Amino acid sequence: MKRPIYDGEVLYSCGMHLLGAPEVEIEVDEEQLTEDGVPDLVAHLDALAIYLLTDPRAQEIEDGAGFRMTEDAPRHVLRTGPCTRYDEDDLFFNPYGHIRLTSPQ
């Protein structure tokens, strides 16, 4: 698995399909791409990825669900979607799609 990859809009993973899970993404503002901001974004990616891989409840995630790293942390809304970054016959295509952490509310 490779992460984080930045496409100008989101940081995302690649290879989660090899573990039977959707890719994880997080929306990024240019101001967050700092020495202090990137590790925080990656921590969110990692926390969501670990949750997807280890918690049985992750199979029940629905579009619009909330996600927080801690009880008092800002709430992110999860958005689910199909893999559109790669063609279906591409080695990197994820048939499980992706789960994106939107900006905190």
PDB file of N, CA and C in Angstrom:
ATOM      1  N   MET A   1       0.837  -1.175   0.000  1.00  0.00           N
ATOM      2  CA  MET A   1       0.000   0.000   0.000  1.00  0.00           C
ATOM      3  C   MET A   1       0.879   1.235   0.000  1.00  0.00           C
ATOM      4  N   LYS A   2       0.457   2.249  -0.730  1.00  0.00           N
ATOM      5  CA  LYS A   2       1.180   3.521  -0.813  1.00  0.00           C
ATOM      6  C   LYS A   2       0.274   4.629  -0.293  1.00  0.00           C
ATOM      7  N   ARG A   3       0.855   5.494   0.503  1.00  0.00           N
ATOM      8  CA  ARG A   3       0.149   6.686   0.974  1.00  0.00           C
ATOM      9  C   ARG A   3       1.151   7.608   1.630  1.00  0.00           C
ATOM     10  N   PRO A   4       0.989   8.877   1.718  1.00  0.00           N
ATOM     11  CA  PRO A   4      -0.072   9.617   1.058  1.00  0.00           C
ATOM     12  C   PRO A   4       0.358  10.035  -0.350  1.00  0.00           C
ATOM     13  N   ILE A   5      -0.589  10.045  -1.238  1.00  0.00           N
ATOM     14  CA  ILE A   5      -0.403  10.561  -2.593  1.00  0.00           C
ATOM     15  C   ILE A   5      -1.269  11.806  -2.668  1.00  0.00           C
ATOM     16  N   TYR A   6      -0.763  12.863  -3.287  1.00  0.00           N
ATOM     17  CA  TYR A   6      -1.513  14.117  -3.378  1.00  0.00           C
ATOM     18  C   TYR A   6      -1.829  14.412  -4.831  1.00  0.00           C
ATOM     19  N   ASP A   7      -3.092  14.715  -5.122  1.00  0.00           N
ATOM     20  CA  ASP A   7      -3.493  15.009  -6.495  1.00  0.00           C
ATOM     21  C   ASP A   7      -3.925  16.460  -6.709  1.00  0.00           C
ATOM     22  N   GLY A   8      -3.644  17.329  -5.742  1.00  0.00           N
ATOM     23  CA  GLY A   8      -4.045  18.729  -5.843  1.00  0.00           C
ATOM     24  C   GLY A   8      -5.353  19.020  -5.139  1.00  0.00           C
ATOM     25  N   GLU A   9      -6.089  17.974  -4.762  1.00  0.00           N
ATOM     26  CA  GLU A   9      -7.369  18.127  -4.065  1.00  0.00           C
ATOM     27  C   GLU A   9      -7.426  17.303  -2.792  1.00  0.00           C
ATOM     28  N   VAL A  10      -6.923  16.066  -2.859  1.00  0.00           N
ATOM     29  CA  VAL A  10      -6.973  15.162  -1.719  1.00  0.00           C
ATOM     30  C   VAL A  10      -5.650  14.428  -1.551  1.00  0.00           C
ATOM     31  N   LEU A  11      -5.396  13.996  -0.320  1.00  0.00           N
ATOM     32  CA  LEU A  11      -4.353  13.003  -0.059  1.00  0.00           C
ATOM     33  C   LEU A  11      -5.072  11.665  -0.074  1.00  0.00           C
ATOM     34  N   TYR A  12      -4.466  10.655  -0.684  1.00  0.00           N
ATOM     35  CA  TYR A  12      -5.156   9.377  -0.769  1.00  0.00           C
ATOM     36  C   TYR A  12      -4.178   8.216  -0.730  1.00  0.00           C
ATOM     37  N   SER A  13      -4.749   7.042  -0.504  1.00  0.00           N
ATOM     38  CA  SER A  13      -3.973   5.804  -0.486  1.00  0.00           C
ATOM     39  C   SER A  13      -4.132   5.101  -1.827  1.00  0.00           C
ATOM     40  N   CYS A  14      -3.285   4.131  -2.053  1.00  0.00           N
ATOM     41  CA  CYS A  14      -3.396   3.275  -3.225  1.00  0.00           C
ATOM     42  C   CYS A  14      -2.940   1.877  -2.805  1.00  0.00           C
ATOM     43  N   GLY A  15      -3.774   0.889  -3.045  1.00  0.00           N
ATOM     44  CA  GLY A  15      -3.405  -0.481  -2.719  1.00  0.00           C
ATOM     45  C   GLY A  15      -4.256  -1.129  -1.641  1.00  0.00           C
ATOM     46  N   MET A  16      -5.210  -0.397  -1.085  1.00  0.00           N
ATOM     47  CA  MET A  16      -6.062  -0.983  -0.045  1.00  0.00           C
ATOM     48  C   MET A  16      -6.875  -2.163  -0.574  1.00  0.00           C
ATOM     49  N   HIS A  17      -7.117  -2.199  -1.892  1.00  0.00           N
ATOM     50  CA  HIS A  17      -7.860  -3.320  -2.464  1.00  0.00           C
ATOM     51  C   HIS A  17      -7.125  -4.637  -2.253  1.00  0.00           C
ATOM     52  N   LEU A  18      -5.803  -4.572  -2.129  1.00  0.00           N
ATOM     53  CA  LEU A  18      -5.029  -5.781  -1.873  1.00  0.00           C
ATOM     54  C   LEU A  18      -5.313  -6.344  -0.481  1.00  0.00           C
ATOM     55  N   LEU A  19      -5.874  -5.495   0.385  1.00  0.00           N
ATOM     56  CA  LEU A  19      -6.240  -5.899   1.746  1.00  0.00           C
ATOM     57  C   LEU A  19      -7.754  -6.063   1.889  1.00  0.00           C
ATOM     58  N   GLY A  20      -8.480  -5.918   0.778  1.00  0.00           N
ATOM     59  CA  GLY A  20      -9.923  -6.109   0.791  1.00  0.00           C
ATOM     60  C   GLY A  20     -10.710  -4.921   1.303  1.00  0.00           C
ATOM     61  N   ALA A  21     -10.177  -3.702   1.121  1.00  0.00           N
ATOM     62  CA  ALA A  21     -10.832  -2.509   1.655  1.00  0.00           C
ATOM     63  C   ALA A  21     -10.800  -1.374   0.632  1.00  0.00           C
ATOM     64  N   PRO A  22     -11.692  -0.394   0.794  1.00  0.00           N
ATOM     65  CA  PRO A  22     -11.654   0.774  -0.078  1.00  0.00           C
ATOM     66  C   PRO A  22     -10.436   1.651   0.221  1.00  0.00           C
ATOM     67  N   GLU A  23     -10.074   2.471  -0.759  1.00  0.00           N
ATOM     68  CA  GLU A  23      -9.019   3.462  -0.529  1.00  0.00           C
ATOM     69  C   GLU A  23      -9.522   4.498   0.461  1.00  0.00           C
ATOM     70  N   VAL A  24      -8.607   5.174   1.132  1.00  0.00           N
ATOM     71  CA  VAL A  24      -8.958   6.266   2.036  1.00  0.00           C
ATOM     72  C   VAL A  24      -8.428   7.566   1.451  1.00  0.00           C
ATOM     73  N   GLU A  25      -9.208   8.614   1.604  1.00  0.00           N
ATOM     74  CA  GLU A  25      -8.852   9.931   1.095  1.00  0.00           C
ATOM     75  C   GLU A  25      -9.192  10.968   2.151  1.00  0.00           C
ATOM     76  N   ILE A  26      -8.512  12.111   2.073  1.00  0.00           N
ATOM     77  CA  ILE A  26      -8.865  13.242   2.927  1.00  0.00           C
ATOM     78  C   ILE A  26      -8.733  14.519   2.112  1.00  0.00           C
ATOM     79  N   GLU A  27      -9.762  15.373   2.192  1.00  0.00           N
ATOM     80  CA  GLU A  27      -9.731  16.659   1.499  1.00  0.00           C
ATOM     81  C   GLU A  27      -8.648  17.534   2.108  1.00  0.00           C
ATOM     82  N   VAL A  28      -7.982  18.315   1.255  1.00  0.00           N
ATOM     83  CA  VAL A  28      -6.858  19.133   1.697  1.00  0.00           C
ATOM     84  C   VAL A  28      -7.016  20.559   1.189  1.00  0.00           C
ATOM     85  N   ASP A  29      -6.791  21.520   2.072  1.00  0.00           N
ATOM     86  CA  ASP A  29      -6.657  22.921   1.677  1.00  0.00           C
ATOM     87  C   ASP A  29      -5.171  23.199   1.541  1.00  0.00           C
ATOM     88  N   GLU A  30      -4.799  24.038   0.605  1.00  0.00           N
ATOM     89  CA  GLU A  30      -3.383  24.353   0.388  1.00  0.00           C
ATOM     90  C   GLU A  30      -2.681  24.777   1.681  1.00  0.00           C
ATOM     91  N   GLU A  31      -3.413  25.483   2.564  1.00  0.00           N
ATOM     92  CA  GLU A  31      -2.823  25.955   3.818  1.00  0.00           C
ATOM     93  C   GLU A  31      -2.416  24.802   4.735  1.00  0.00           C
ATOM     94  N   GLN A  32      -2.995  23.630   4.544  1.00  0.00           N
ATOM     95  CA  GLN A  32      -2.690  22.473   5.388  1.00  0.00           C
ATOM     96  C   GLN A  32      -1.405  21.762   4.965  1.00  0.00           C
ATOM     97  N   LEU A  33      -0.900  22.083   3.796  1.00  0.00           N
ATOM     98  CA  LEU A  33       0.292  21.405   3.277  1.00  0.00           C
ATOM     99  C   LEU A  33       1.549  22.052   3.832  1.00  0.00           C
ATOM    100  N   THR A  34       1.675  21.956   5.149  1.00  0.00           N
ATOM    101  CA  THR A  34       2.827  22.507   5.854  1.00  0.00           C
ATOM    102  C   THR A  34       3.533  21.377   6.596  1.00  0.00           C
ATOM    103  N   GLU A  35       4.666  21.700   7.146  1.00  0.00           N
ATOM    104  CA  GLU A  35       5.422  20.719   7.919  1.00  0.00           C
ATOM    105  C   GLU A  35       4.609  20.183   9.090  1.00  0.00           C
ATOM    106  N   ASP A  36       3.757  21.031   9.672  1.00  0.00           N
ATOM    107  CA  ASP A  36       2.917  20.602  10.789  1.00  0.00           C
ATOM    108  C   ASP A  36       1.596  19.989  10.324  1.00  0.00           C
ATOM    109  N   GLY A  37       1.072  20.464   9.196  1.00  0.00           N
ATOM    110  CA  GLY A  37      -0.248  20.025   8.739  1.00  0.00           C
ATOM    111  C   GLY A  37      -0.279  18.654   8.109  1.00  0.00           C
ATOM    112  N   VAL A  38       0.720  18.319   7.323  1.00  0.00           N
ATOM    113  CA  VAL A  38       0.723  17.037   6.615  1.00  0.00           C
ATOM    114  C   VAL A  38       0.703  15.842   7.578  1.00  0.00           C
ATOM    115  N   PRO A  39       1.532  15.842   8.642  1.00  0.00           N
ATOM    116  CA  PRO A  39       1.459  14.696   9.563  1.00  0.00           C
ATOM    117  C   PRO A  39       0.069  14.505  10.179  1.00  0.00           C
ATOM    118  N   ASP A  40      -0.648  15.587  10.450  1.00  0.00           N
ATOM    119  CA  ASP A  40      -2.000  15.486  11.000  1.00  0.00           C
ATOM    120  C   ASP A  40      -2.945  14.863   9.971  1.00  0.00           C
ATOM    121  N   LEU A  41      -2.840  15.287   8.720  1.00  0.00           N
ATOM    122  CA  LEU A  41      -3.667  14.713   7.662  1.00  0.00           C
ATOM    123  C   LEU A  41      -3.387  13.222   7.493  1.00  0.00           C
ATOM    124  N   VAL A  42      -2.102  12.865   7.502  1.00  0.00           N
ATOM    125  CA  VAL A  42      -1.716  11.458   7.356  1.00  0.00           C
ATOM    126  C   VAL A  42      -2.211  10.642   8.552  1.00  0.00           C
ATOM    127  N   ALA A  43      -2.187  11.221   9.737  1.00  0.00           N
ATOM    128  CA  ALA A  43      -2.698  10.520  10.922  1.00  0.00           C
ATOM    129  C   ALA A  43      -4.181  10.193  10.745  1.00  0.00           C
ATOM    130  N   HIS A  44      -4.935  11.112  10.156  1.00  0.00           N
ATOM    131  CA  HIS A  44      -6.347  10.847   9.886  1.00  0.00           C
ATOM    132  C   HIS A  44      -6.508   9.729   8.849  1.00  0.00           C
ATOM    133  N   LEU A  45      -5.717   9.775   7.790  1.00  0.00           N
ATOM    134  CA  LEU A  45      -5.755   8.708   6.783  1.00  0.00           C
ATOM    135  C   LEU A  45      -5.477   7.356   7.425  1.00  0.00           C
ATOM    136  N   ASP A  46      -4.425   7.311   8.227  1.00  0.00           N
ATOM    137  CA  ASP A  46      -4.032   6.060   8.871  1.00  0.00           C
ATOM    138  C   ASP A  46      -5.096   5.550   9.834  1.00  0.00           C
ATOM    139  N   ALA A  47      -5.685   6.468  10.607  1.00  0.00           N
ATOM    140  CA  ALA A  47      -6.723   6.063  11.565  1.00  0.00           C
ATOM    141  C   ALA A  47      -7.921   5.465  10.841  1.00  0.00           C
ATOM    142  N   LEU A  48      -8.329   6.082   9.747  1.00  0.00           N
ATOM    143  CA  LEU A  48      -9.460   5.554   8.987  1.00  0.00           C
ATOM    144  C   LEU A  48      -9.091   4.215   8.352  1.00  0.00           C
ATOM    145  N   ALA A  49      -7.895   4.107   7.803  1.00  0.00           N
ATOM    146  CA  ALA A  49      -7.461   2.849   7.185  1.00  0.00           C
ATOM    147  C   ALA A  49      -7.426   1.714   8.215  1.00  0.00           C
ATOM    148  N   ILE A  50      -6.879   1.992   9.380  1.00  0.00           N
ATOM    149  CA  ILE A  50      -6.821   0.970  10.426  1.00  0.00           C
ATOM    150  C   ILE A  50      -8.224   0.568  10.866  1.00  0.00           C
ATOM    151  N   TYR A  51      -9.106   1.542  10.988  1.00  0.00           N
ATOM    152  CA  TYR A  51     -10.496   1.244  11.338  1.00  0.00           C
ATOM    153  C   TYR A  51     -11.116   0.325  10.285  1.00  0.00           C
ATOM    154  N   LEU A  52     -10.917   0.650   9.008  1.00  0.00           N
ATOM    155  CA  LEU A  52     -11.496  -0.161   7.932  1.00  0.00           C
ATOM    156  C   LEU A  52     -10.968  -1.590   7.950  1.00  0.00           C
ATOM    157  N   LEU A  53      -9.720  -1.753   8.337  1.00  0.00           N
ATOM    158  CA  LEU A  53      -9.089  -3.062   8.299  1.00  0.00           C
ATOM    159  C   LEU A  53      -9.306  -3.904   9.555  1.00  0.00           C
ATOM    160  N   THR A  54      -9.668  -3.263  10.663  1.00  0.00           N
ATOM    161  CA  THR A  54      -9.711  -3.999  11.927  1.00  0.00           C
ATOM    162  C   THR A  54     -11.061  -4.038  12.628  1.00  0.00           C
ATOM    163  N   ASP A  55     -11.970  -3.138  12.306  1.00  0.00           N
ATOM    164  CA  ASP A  55     -13.239  -3.084  13.028  1.00  0.00           C
ATOM    165  C   ASP A  55     -14.368  -3.637  12.156  1.00  0.00           C
ATOM    166  N   PRO A  56     -15.059  -4.674  12.606  1.00  0.00           N
ATOM    167  CA  PRO A  56     -16.152  -5.256  11.813  1.00  0.00           C
ATOM    168  C   PRO A  56     -17.242  -4.246  11.454  1.00  0.00           C
ATOM    169  N   ARG A  57     -17.410  -3.220  12.290  1.00  0.00           N
ATOM    170  CA  ARG A  57     -18.440  -2.207  12.001  1.00  0.00           C
ATOM    171  C   ARG A  57     -18.115  -1.388  10.759  1.00  0.00           C
ATOM    172  N   ALA A  58     -16.869  -1.427  10.309  1.00  0.00           N
ATOM    173  CA  ALA A  58     -16.475  -0.671   9.123  1.00  0.00           C
ATOM    174  C   ALA A  58     -17.254  -1.119   7.889  1.00  0.00           C
ATOM    175  N   GLN A  59     -17.708  -2.369   7.869  1.00  0.00           N
ATOM    176  CA  GLN A  59     -18.496  -2.873   6.740  1.00  0.00           C
ATOM    177  C   GLN A  59     -19.845  -2.169   6.637  1.00  0.00           C
ATOM    178  N   GLU A  60     -20.249  -1.497   7.708  1.00  0.00           N
ATOM    179  CA  GLU A  60     -21.553  -0.838   7.746  1.00  0.00           C
ATOM    180  C   GLU A  60     -21.482   0.657   7.462  1.00  0.00           C
ATOM    181  N   ILE A  61     -20.305   1.172   7.142  1.00  0.00           N
ATOM    182  CA  ILE A  61     -20.164   2.610   6.873  1.00  0.00           C
ATOM    183  C   ILE A  61     -21.055   3.003   5.705  1.00  0.00           C
ATOM    184  N   GLU A  62     -21.794   4.067   5.908  1.00  0.00           N
ATOM    185  CA  GLU A  62     -22.656   4.605   4.857  1.00  0.00           C
ATOM    186  C   GLU A  62     -22.216   6.019   4.515  1.00  0.00           C
ATOM    187  N   ASP A  63     -22.507   6.436   3.312  1.00  0.00           N
ATOM    188  CA  ASP A  63     -22.204   7.793   2.885  1.00  0.00           C
ATOM    189  C   ASP A  63     -22.878   8.773   3.837  1.00  0.00           C
ATOM    190  N   GLY A  64     -22.117   9.741   4.334  1.00  0.00           N
ATOM    191  CA  GLY A  64     -22.654  10.735   5.250  1.00  0.00           C
ATOM    192  C   GLY A  64     -22.392  10.439   6.717  1.00  0.00           C
ATOM    193  N   ALA A  65     -21.811   9.291   7.017  1.00  0.00           N
ATOM    194  CA  ALA A  65     -21.497   8.960   8.410  1.00  0.00           C
ATOM    195  C   ALA A  65     -20.421   9.903   8.938  1.00  0.00           C
ATOM    196  N   GLY A  66     -20.313  10.021  10.250  1.00  0.00           N
ATOM    197  CA  GLY A  66     -19.310  10.879  10.875  1.00  0.00           C
ATOM    198  C   GLY A  66     -18.081  10.101  11.299  1.00  0.00           C
ATOM    199  N   PHE A  67     -16.959  10.806  11.398  1.00  0.00           N
ATOM    200  CA  PHE A  67     -15.710  10.177  11.828  1.00  0.00           C
ATOM    201  C   PHE A  67     -14.910  11.192  12.626  1.00  0.00           C
ATOM    202  N   ARG A  68     -14.458  10.781  13.803  1.00  0.00           N
ATOM    203  CA  ARG A  68     -13.590  11.598  14.660  1.00  0.00           C
ATOM    204  C   ARG A  68     -12.448  10.732  15.151  1.00  0.00           C
ATOM    205  N   MET A  69     -11.273  11.338  15.279  1.00  0.00           N
ATOM    206  CA  MET A  69     -10.138  10.577  15.808  1.00  0.00           C
ATOM    207  C   MET A  69     -10.261  10.388  17.307  1.00  0.00           C
ATOM    208  N   THR A  70     -10.831  11.386  17.975  1.00  0.00           N
ATOM    209  CA  THR A  70     -11.096  11.300  19.409  1.00  0.00           C
ATOM    210  C   THR A  70     -12.475  11.900  19.653  1.00  0.00           C
ATOM    211  N   GLU A  71     -13.004  11.660  20.830  1.00  0.00           N
ATOM    212  CA  GLU A  71     -14.357  12.114  21.140  1.00  0.00           C
ATOM    213  C   GLU A  71     -14.532  13.630  21.006  1.00  0.00           C
ATOM    214  N   ASP A  72     -13.500  14.392  21.330  1.00  0.00           N
ATOM    215  CA  ASP A  72     -13.615  15.854  21.271  1.00  0.00           C
ATOM    216  C   ASP A  72     -12.980  16.462  20.020  1.00  0.00           C
ATOM    217  N   ALA A  73     -12.590  15.643  19.069  1.00  0.00           N
ATOM    218  CA  ALA A  73     -11.970  16.134  17.830  1.00  0.00           C
ATOM    219  C   ALA A  73     -13.036  16.629  16.853  1.00  0.00           C
ATOM    220  N   PRO A  74     -12.637  17.450  15.896  1.00  0.00           N
ATOM    221  CA  PRO A  74     -13.600  17.890  14.872  1.00  0.00           C
ATOM    222  C   PRO A  74     -14.175  16.687  14.111  1.00  0.00           C
ATOM    223  N   ARG A  75     -15.429  16.813  13.745  1.00  0.00           N
ATOM    224  CA  ARG A  75     -16.135  15.727  13.048  1.00  0.00           C
ATOM    225  C   ARG A  75     -15.957  15.874  11.541  1.00  0.00           C
ATOM    226  N   HIS A  76     -15.490  14.807  10.919  1.00  0.00           N
ATOM    227  CA  HIS A  76     -15.415  14.731   9.464  1.00  0.00           C
ATOM    228  C   HIS A  76     -16.623  13.931   8.982  1.00  0.00           C
ATOM    229  N   VAL A  77     -17.137  14.273   7.821  1.00  0.00           N
ATOM    230  CA  VAL A  77     -18.196  13.482   7.204  1.00  0.00           C
ATOM    231  C   VAL A  77     -17.535  12.563   6.191  1.00  0.00           C
ATOM    232  N   LEU A  78     -17.930  11.293   6.211  1.00  0.00           N
ATOM    233  CA  LEU A  78     -17.380  10.312   5.282  1.00  0.00           C
ATOM    234  C   LEU A  78     -18.230  10.289   4.017  1.00  0.00           C
ATOM    235  N   ARG A  79     -17.561  10.340   2.896  1.00  0.00           N
ATOM    236  CA  ARG A  79     -18.222  10.239   1.599  1.00  0.00           C
ATOM    237  C   ARG A  79     -17.683   9.009   0.889  1.00  0.00           C
ATOM    238  N   THR A  80     -18.565   8.153   0.450  1.00  0.00           N
ATOM    239  CA  THR A  80     -18.153   6.946  -0.243  1.00  0.00           C
ATOM    240  C   THR A  80     -18.349   7.124  -1.744  1.00  0.00           C
ATOM    241  N   GLY A  81     -17.553   6.404  -2.521  1.00  0.00           N
ATOM    242  CA  GLY A  81     -17.697   6.496  -3.961  1.00  0.00           C
ATOM    243  C   GLY A  81     -16.924   5.405  -4.669  1.00  0.00           C
ATOM    244  N   PRO A  82     -17.194   5.261  -5.946  1.00  0.00           N
ATOM    245  CA  PRO A  82     -16.487   4.250  -6.729  1.00  0.00           C
ATOM    246  C   PRO A  82     -15.076   4.718  -7.081  1.00  0.00           C
ATOM    247  N   CYS A  83     -14.246   3.798  -7.461  1.00  0.00           N
ATOM    248  CA  CYS A  83     -12.894   4.137  -7.915  1.00  0.00           C
ATOM    249  C   CYS A  83     -12.983   4.714  -9.328  1.00  0.00           C
ATOM    250  N   THR A  84     -12.644   5.968  -9.472  1.00  0.00           N
ATOM    251  CA  THR A  84     -12.653   6.616 -10.790  1.00  0.00           C
ATOM    252  C   THR A  84     -11.259   7.065 -11.201  1.00  0.00           C
ATOM    253  N   ARG A  85     -10.304   6.852 -10.344  1.00  0.00           N
ATOM    254  CA  ARG A  85      -8.931   7.294 -10.595  1.00  0.00           C
ATOM    255  C   ARG A  85      -8.226   6.389 -11.611  1.00  0.00           C
ATOM    256  N   TYR A  86      -8.614   5.128 -11.659  1.00  0.00           N
ATOM    257  CA  TYR A  86      -7.973   4.139 -12.538  1.00  0.00           C
ATOM    258  C   TYR A  86      -9.026   3.364 -13.311  1.00  0.00           C
ATOM    259  N   ASP A  87      -8.665   2.899 -14.500  1.00  0.00           N
ATOM    260  CA  ASP A  87      -9.546   2.045 -15.298  1.00  0.00           C
ATOM    261  C   ASP A  87      -9.693   0.687 -14.621  1.00  0.00           C
ATOM    262  N   GLU A  88     -10.803   0.013 -14.892  1.00  0.00           N
ATOM    263  CA  GLU A  88     -11.077  -1.277 -14.246  1.00  0.00           C
ATOM    264  C   GLU A  88     -10.012  -2.325 -14.516  1.00  0.00           C
ATOM    265  N   ASP A  89      -9.329  -2.242 -15.645  1.00  0.00           N
ATOM    266  CA  ASP A  89      -8.304  -3.241 -15.952  1.00  0.00           C
ATOM    267  C   ASP A  89      -6.918  -2.829 -15.473  1.00  0.00           C
ATOM    268  N   ASP A  90      -6.844  -1.714 -14.740  1.00  0.00           N
ATOM    269  CA  ASP A  90      -5.571  -1.225 -14.202  1.00  0.00           C
ATOM    270  C   ASP A  90      -5.249  -1.951 -12.895  1.00  0.00           C
ATOM    271  N   LEU A  91      -3.986  -2.255 -12.691  1.00  0.00           N
ATOM    272  CA  LEU A  91      -3.540  -2.927 -11.469  1.00  0.00           C
ATOM    273  C   LEU A  91      -3.937  -2.154 -10.207  1.00  0.00           C
ATOM    274  N   PHE A  92      -4.027  -0.825 -10.306  1.00  0.00           N
ATOM    275  CA  PHE A  92      -4.328   0.012  -9.145  1.00  0.00           C
ATOM    276  C   PHE A  92      -5.822   0.217  -8.910  1.00  0.00           C
ATOM    277  N   PHE A  93      -6.675  -0.259  -9.802  1.00  0.00           N
ATOM    278  CA  PHE A  93      -8.123  -0.096  -9.652  1.00  0.00           C
ATOM    279  C   PHE A  93      -8.597  -0.779  -8.366  1.00  0.00           C
ATOM    280  N   ASN A  94      -9.434  -0.075  -7.611  1.00  0.00           N
ATOM    281  CA  ASN A  94      -9.962  -0.630  -6.363  1.00  0.00           C
ATOM    282  C   ASN A  94     -11.461  -0.909  -6.540  1.00  0.00           C
ATOM    283  N   PRO A  95     -11.851  -2.178  -6.622  1.00  0.00           N
ATOM    284  CA  PRO A  95     -13.271  -2.499  -6.797  1.00  0.00           C
ATOM    285  C   PRO A  95     -14.128  -2.133  -5.580  1.00  0.00           C
ATOM    286  N   TYR A  96     -13.491  -1.857  -4.440  1.00  0.00           N
ATOM    287  CA  TYR A  96     -14.211  -1.463  -3.231  1.00  0.00           C
ATOM    288  C   TYR A  96     -14.464   0.044  -3.171  1.00  0.00           C
ATOM    289  N   GLY A  97     -13.909   0.793  -4.141  1.00  0.00           N
ATOM    290  CA  GLY A  97     -14.115   2.232  -4.181  1.00  0.00           C
ATOM    291  C   GLY A  97     -13.221   2.983  -3.208  1.00  0.00           C
ATOM    292  N   HIS A  98     -13.762   4.097  -2.686  1.00  0.00           N
ATOM    293  CA  HIS A  98     -12.998   4.904  -1.729  1.00  0.00           C
ATOM    294  C   HIS A  98     -13.936   5.451  -0.658  1.00  0.00           C
ATOM    295  N   ILE A  99     -13.313   5.852   0.451  1.00  0.00           N
ATOM    296  CA  ILE A  99     -14.009   6.575   1.504  1.00  0.00           C
ATOM    297  C   ILE A  99     -13.210   7.852   1.742  1.00  0.00           C
ATOM    298  N   ARG A 100     -13.881   8.984   1.578  1.00  0.00           N
ATOM    299  CA  ARG A 100     -13.210  10.281   1.710  1.00  0.00           C
ATOM    300  C   ARG A 100     -13.636  10.987   2.994  1.00  0.00           C
ATOM    301  N   LEU A 101     -12.637  11.470   3.730  1.00  0.00           N
ATOM    302  CA  LEU A 101     -12.890  12.339   4.888  1.00  0.00           C
ATOM    303  C   LEU A 101     -13.029  13.752   4.363  1.00  0.00           C
ATOM    304  N   THR A 102     -14.188  14.350   4.556  1.00  0.00           N
ATOM    305  CA  THR A 102     -14.382  15.740   4.128  1.00  0.00           C
ATOM    306  C   THR A 102     -13.796  16.673   5.185  1.00  0.00           C
ATOM    307  N   SER A 103     -13.726  17.941   4.856  1.00  0.00           N
ATOM    308  CA  SER A 103     -13.216  18.934   5.805  1.00  0.00           C
ATOM    309  C   SER A 103     -14.072  18.917   7.062  1.00  0.00           C
ATOM    310  N   PRO A 104     -13.452  19.139   8.243  1.00  0.00           N
ATOM    311  CA  PRO A 104     -14.218  19.106   9.501  1.00  0.00           C
ATOM    312  C   PRO A 104     -15.333  20.134   9.510  1.00  0.00           C
ATOM    313  N   GLN A 105     -16.391  19.797  10.248  1.00  0.00           N
ATOM    314  CA  GLN A 105     -17.526  20.711  10.368  1.00  0.00           C
ATOM    315  C   GLN A 105     -17.561  21.327  11.736  1.00  0.00           C
TER     316      GLN A 105
END
